[in-house]
Amino acid sequence: MSERNSLVELANFIGRSPLASPDMSVRNKALAGMTERLMPKQRRSVGDLMNVVLTLSARTRRMVQEPVSIDIDVFAPGGKRAVWMKFGEK
């Protein structure tokens, strides 16, 4: 019998959320409040958005390109090697 009582309670349930309201203005106000809480407080400028796009584009390009190795040889005036550096080789 307790299962039937639970089903009766569920059938008689009345939603009290503003989103369940038949009035569209109440629903829109509730949705606007939710989205306002989710959005960041400050607005971003076009320059900020362009910086994000360019950063993501540069990262994507670096991921796609093959690795580069750089060799630097520096010789002393007498012809002997003074410095030898190698970058990028694993």
N, C-alpha and C. Protein backbone atom coordinates (compact mmCIF):
# COMPACT_ATOMS: atom_id res chain seq x y z
N MET A 1 0.81 -1.19 0.00
CA MET A 1 0.00 0.00 0.00
C MET A 1 0.85 1.26 0.00
N SER A 2 2.03 1.21 0.61
CA SER A 2 2.85 2.40 0.69
C SER A 2 3.34 2.82 -0.71
N GLU A 3 3.51 1.85 -1.61
CA GLU A 3 3.91 2.20 -2.97
C GLU A 3 2.82 3.01 -3.65
N ARG A 4 1.57 2.64 -3.41
CA ARG A 4 0.46 3.37 -4.01
C ARG A 4 0.38 4.79 -3.45
N ASN A 5 0.64 4.95 -2.17
CA ASN A 5 0.62 6.28 -1.56
C ASN A 5 1.70 7.17 -2.18
N SER A 6 2.87 6.61 -2.42
CA SER A 6 3.94 7.38 -3.04
C SER A 6 3.55 7.82 -4.45
N LEU A 7 2.88 6.93 -5.18
CA LEU A 7 2.44 7.27 -6.53
C LEU A 7 1.36 8.35 -6.50
N VAL A 8 0.48 8.28 -5.52
CA VAL A 8 -0.57 9.29 -5.40
C VAL A 8 0.06 10.64 -5.07
N GLU A 9 1.06 10.64 -4.18
CA GLU A 9 1.75 11.89 -3.85
C GLU A 9 2.44 12.47 -5.08
N LEU A 10 3.06 11.61 -5.86
CA LEU A 10 3.74 12.06 -7.07
C LEU A 10 2.73 12.61 -8.09
N ALA A 11 1.59 11.97 -8.20
CA ALA A 11 0.57 12.43 -9.15
C ALA A 11 0.01 13.79 -8.73
N ASN A 12 -0.05 14.05 -7.44
CA ASN A 12 -0.59 15.31 -6.94
C ASN A 12 0.47 16.41 -6.82
N PHE A 13 1.70 16.09 -7.21
CA PHE A 13 2.79 17.06 -7.08
C PHE A 13 2.53 18.27 -7.99
N ILE A 14 2.74 19.45 -7.44
CA ILE A 14 2.59 20.69 -8.20
C ILE A 14 3.94 21.39 -8.18
N GLY A 15 4.50 21.60 -9.36
CA GLY A 15 5.79 22.27 -9.45
C GLY A 15 5.69 23.72 -9.02
N ARG A 16 6.60 24.17 -8.22
CA ARG A 16 6.57 25.54 -7.72
C ARG A 16 7.69 26.39 -8.32
N SER A 17 8.44 25.81 -9.24
CA SER A 17 9.53 26.55 -9.87
C SER A 17 8.97 27.62 -10.80
N PRO A 18 9.62 28.80 -10.87
CA PRO A 18 9.16 29.81 -11.82
C PRO A 18 9.28 29.34 -13.27
N LEU A 19 10.15 28.36 -13.51
CA LEU A 19 10.28 27.84 -14.87
C LEU A 19 9.06 27.02 -15.28
N ALA A 20 8.30 26.52 -14.31
CA ALA A 20 7.11 25.74 -14.60
C ALA A 20 5.87 26.61 -14.75
N SER A 21 6.03 27.91 -14.62
CA SER A 21 4.90 28.82 -14.68
C SER A 21 4.35 28.89 -16.12
N PRO A 22 3.03 28.95 -16.26
CA PRO A 22 2.46 29.09 -17.60
C PRO A 22 2.65 30.50 -18.16
N ASP A 23 2.94 31.46 -17.29
CA ASP A 23 3.15 32.85 -17.72
C ASP A 23 4.56 32.99 -18.29
N MET A 24 4.66 33.34 -19.57
CA MET A 24 5.96 33.43 -20.24
C MET A 24 6.85 34.52 -19.65
N SER A 25 6.27 35.60 -19.16
CA SER A 25 7.10 36.67 -18.60
C SER A 25 7.80 36.20 -17.33
N VAL A 26 7.12 35.38 -16.53
CA VAL A 26 7.73 34.84 -15.31
C VAL A 26 8.84 33.87 -15.68
N ARG A 27 8.58 33.04 -16.68
CA ARG A 27 9.60 32.08 -17.13
C ARG A 27 10.82 32.80 -17.69
N ASN A 28 10.60 33.83 -18.50
CA ASN A 28 11.71 34.57 -19.09
C ASN A 28 12.54 35.26 -18.02
N LYS A 29 11.87 35.80 -16.99
CA LYS A 29 12.58 36.46 -15.91
C LYS A 29 13.45 35.46 -15.15
N ALA A 30 12.92 34.26 -14.91
CA ALA A 30 13.68 33.22 -14.22
C ALA A 30 14.89 32.79 -15.05
N LEU A 31 14.69 32.62 -16.36
CA LEU A 31 15.80 32.24 -17.24
C LEU A 31 16.86 33.33 -17.31
N ALA A 32 16.42 34.59 -17.36
CA ALA A 32 17.38 35.70 -17.40
C ALA A 32 18.20 35.75 -16.12
N GLY A 33 17.58 35.49 -14.99
CA GLY A 33 18.31 35.45 -13.73
C GLY A 33 19.34 34.34 -13.69
N MET A 34 18.98 33.17 -14.24
CA MET A 34 19.92 32.05 -14.27
C MET A 34 21.11 32.36 -15.17
N THR A 35 20.85 32.88 -16.35
CA THR A 35 21.96 33.17 -17.26
C THR A 35 22.82 34.31 -16.75
N GLU A 36 22.24 35.26 -16.05
CA GLU A 36 23.01 36.36 -15.49
C GLU A 36 23.99 35.86 -14.44
N ARG A 37 23.56 34.88 -13.65
CA ARG A 37 24.45 34.32 -12.63
C ARG A 37 25.56 33.50 -13.26
N LEU A 38 25.31 32.90 -14.41
CA LEU A 38 26.32 32.08 -15.08
C LEU A 38 27.34 32.91 -15.85
N MET A 39 26.95 34.07 -16.32
CA MET A 39 27.83 34.90 -17.14
C MET A 39 28.85 35.62 -16.26
N PRO A 40 30.06 35.85 -16.80
CA PRO A 40 31.05 36.61 -16.03
C PRO A 40 30.58 38.06 -15.84
N LYS A 41 31.03 38.67 -14.76
CA LYS A 41 30.57 40.02 -14.42
C LYS A 41 31.07 41.07 -15.40
N GLN A 42 32.31 40.93 -15.88
CA GLN A 42 32.84 41.95 -16.78
C GLN A 42 32.67 41.53 -18.23
N ARG A 43 32.44 42.47 -19.07
CA ARG A 43 32.32 42.20 -20.49
C ARG A 43 33.69 42.26 -21.12
N ARG A 44 33.92 41.43 -22.09
CA ARG A 44 35.21 41.40 -22.76
C ARG A 44 35.17 42.31 -23.97
N SER A 45 36.28 42.96 -24.21
CA SER A 45 36.36 43.83 -25.38
C SER A 45 36.70 43.00 -26.60
N VAL A 46 36.59 43.61 -27.76
CA VAL A 46 36.91 42.93 -29.01
C VAL A 46 38.39 42.55 -29.02
N GLY A 47 39.23 43.42 -28.47
CA GLY A 47 40.66 43.12 -28.41
C GLY A 47 40.96 41.89 -27.57
N ASP A 48 40.24 41.74 -26.44
CA ASP A 48 40.43 40.55 -25.60
C ASP A 48 40.03 39.29 -26.35
N LEU A 49 38.92 39.34 -27.06
CA LEU A 49 38.47 38.18 -27.82
C LEU A 49 39.44 37.85 -28.96
N MET A 50 40.00 38.88 -29.61
CA MET A 50 40.97 38.64 -30.68
C MET A 50 42.24 38.00 -30.10
N ASN A 51 42.67 38.43 -28.91
CA ASN A 51 43.83 37.81 -28.27
C ASN A 51 43.60 36.33 -28.02
N VAL A 52 42.40 35.97 -27.59
CA VAL A 52 42.09 34.56 -27.35
C VAL A 52 42.14 33.78 -28.66
N VAL A 53 41.55 34.33 -29.71
CA VAL A 53 41.53 33.65 -31.01
C VAL A 53 42.95 33.47 -31.53
N LEU A 54 43.77 34.50 -31.45
CA LEU A 54 45.14 34.41 -31.96
C LEU A 54 45.98 33.43 -31.14
N THR A 55 45.79 33.40 -29.84
CA THR A 55 46.52 32.47 -28.99
C THR A 55 46.16 31.03 -29.33
N LEU A 56 44.86 30.75 -29.48
CA LEU A 56 44.45 29.40 -29.83
C LEU A 56 44.95 29.02 -31.22
N SER A 57 44.94 29.96 -32.14
CA SER A 57 45.43 29.69 -33.49
C SER A 57 46.93 29.37 -33.48
N ALA A 58 47.71 30.13 -32.70
CA ALA A 58 49.16 29.88 -32.62
C ALA A 58 49.43 28.52 -31.98
N ARG A 59 48.69 28.18 -30.95
CA ARG A 59 48.90 26.87 -30.31
C ARG A 59 48.57 25.74 -31.27
N THR A 60 47.50 25.91 -32.04
CA THR A 60 47.12 24.88 -33.00
C THR A 60 48.20 24.73 -34.06
N ARG A 61 48.73 25.85 -34.55
CA ARG A 61 49.80 25.80 -35.56
C ARG A 61 51.02 25.09 -35.01
N ARG A 62 51.41 25.39 -33.76
CA ARG A 62 52.59 24.75 -33.18
C ARG A 62 52.39 23.26 -33.00
N MET A 63 51.18 22.83 -32.70
CA MET A 63 50.92 21.41 -32.52
C MET A 63 51.01 20.67 -33.84
N VAL A 64 50.64 21.32 -34.93
CA VAL A 64 50.60 20.67 -36.23
C VAL A 64 51.98 20.63 -36.89
N GLN A 65 52.80 21.66 -36.65
CA GLN A 65 54.10 21.73 -37.30
C GLN A 65 55.06 20.70 -36.71
N GLU A 66 56.02 20.31 -37.55
CA GLU A 66 57.03 19.36 -37.10
C GLU A 66 58.02 20.07 -36.18
N PRO A 67 58.62 19.34 -35.25
CA PRO A 67 59.60 19.94 -34.34
C PRO A 67 60.81 20.48 -35.11
N VAL A 68 61.42 21.50 -34.57
CA VAL A 68 62.57 22.15 -35.20
C VAL A 68 63.77 21.98 -34.28
N SER A 69 64.94 21.72 -34.87
CA SER A 69 66.17 21.69 -34.08
C SER A 69 67.09 22.81 -34.58
N ILE A 70 67.81 23.43 -33.66
CA ILE A 70 68.68 24.55 -33.99
C ILE A 70 70.08 24.24 -33.47
N ASP A 71 71.07 24.36 -34.36
CA ASP A 71 72.48 24.20 -33.98
C ASP A 71 73.15 25.56 -34.07
N ILE A 72 73.89 25.92 -33.02
CA ILE A 72 74.62 27.19 -33.01
C ILE A 72 76.09 26.88 -32.74
N ASP A 73 76.95 27.27 -33.67
CA ASP A 73 78.39 27.14 -33.50
C ASP A 73 78.99 28.53 -33.41
N VAL A 74 79.79 28.76 -32.39
CA VAL A 74 80.49 30.03 -32.24
C VAL A 74 81.99 29.70 -32.16
N PHE A 75 82.75 30.35 -33.02
CA PHE A 75 84.18 30.07 -33.08
C PHE A 75 84.97 31.24 -32.53
N ALA A 76 86.07 30.91 -31.85
CA ALA A 76 86.99 31.91 -31.32
C ALA A 76 87.83 32.48 -32.46
N PRO A 77 88.47 33.62 -32.25
CA PRO A 77 89.29 34.21 -33.32
C PRO A 77 90.39 33.28 -33.83
N GLY A 78 90.84 32.35 -33.04
CA GLY A 78 91.89 31.42 -33.49
C GLY A 78 91.34 30.29 -34.33
N GLY A 79 90.06 30.18 -34.47
CA GLY A 79 89.47 29.13 -35.30
C GLY A 79 88.95 27.94 -34.52
N LYS A 80 89.20 27.92 -33.22
CA LYS A 80 88.68 26.82 -32.41
C LYS A 80 87.23 27.09 -32.03
N ARG A 81 86.51 26.03 -31.84
CA ARG A 81 85.10 26.18 -31.44
C ARG A 81 85.04 26.70 -30.01
N ALA A 82 84.32 27.80 -29.81
CA ALA A 82 84.17 28.40 -28.48
C ALA A 82 82.89 27.90 -27.82
N VAL A 83 81.80 27.85 -28.56
CA VAL A 83 80.50 27.44 -28.01
C VAL A 83 79.78 26.61 -29.07
N TRP A 84 79.16 25.53 -28.63
CA TRP A 84 78.30 24.75 -29.50
C TRP A 84 77.04 24.43 -28.73
N MET A 85 75.91 24.88 -29.24
CA MET A 85 74.62 24.63 -28.58
C MET A 85 73.69 23.98 -29.57
N LYS A 86 72.87 23.09 -29.06
CA LYS A 86 71.89 22.40 -29.90
C LYS A 86 70.57 22.42 -29.15
N PHE A 87 69.52 22.93 -29.79
CA PHE A 87 68.19 23.04 -29.19
C PHE A 87 67.19 22.22 -29.98
N GLY A 88 66.26 21.59 -29.29
CA GLY A 88 65.14 20.96 -29.95
C GLY A 88 65.31 19.50 -30.26
N GLU A 89 66.46 18.93 -30.04
CA GLU A 89 66.63 17.51 -30.34
C GLU A 89 66.39 16.70 -29.08
N LYS A 90 65.65 15.64 -29.21
CA LYS A 90 65.34 14.81 -28.04
C LYS A 90 66.42 13.78 -27.82
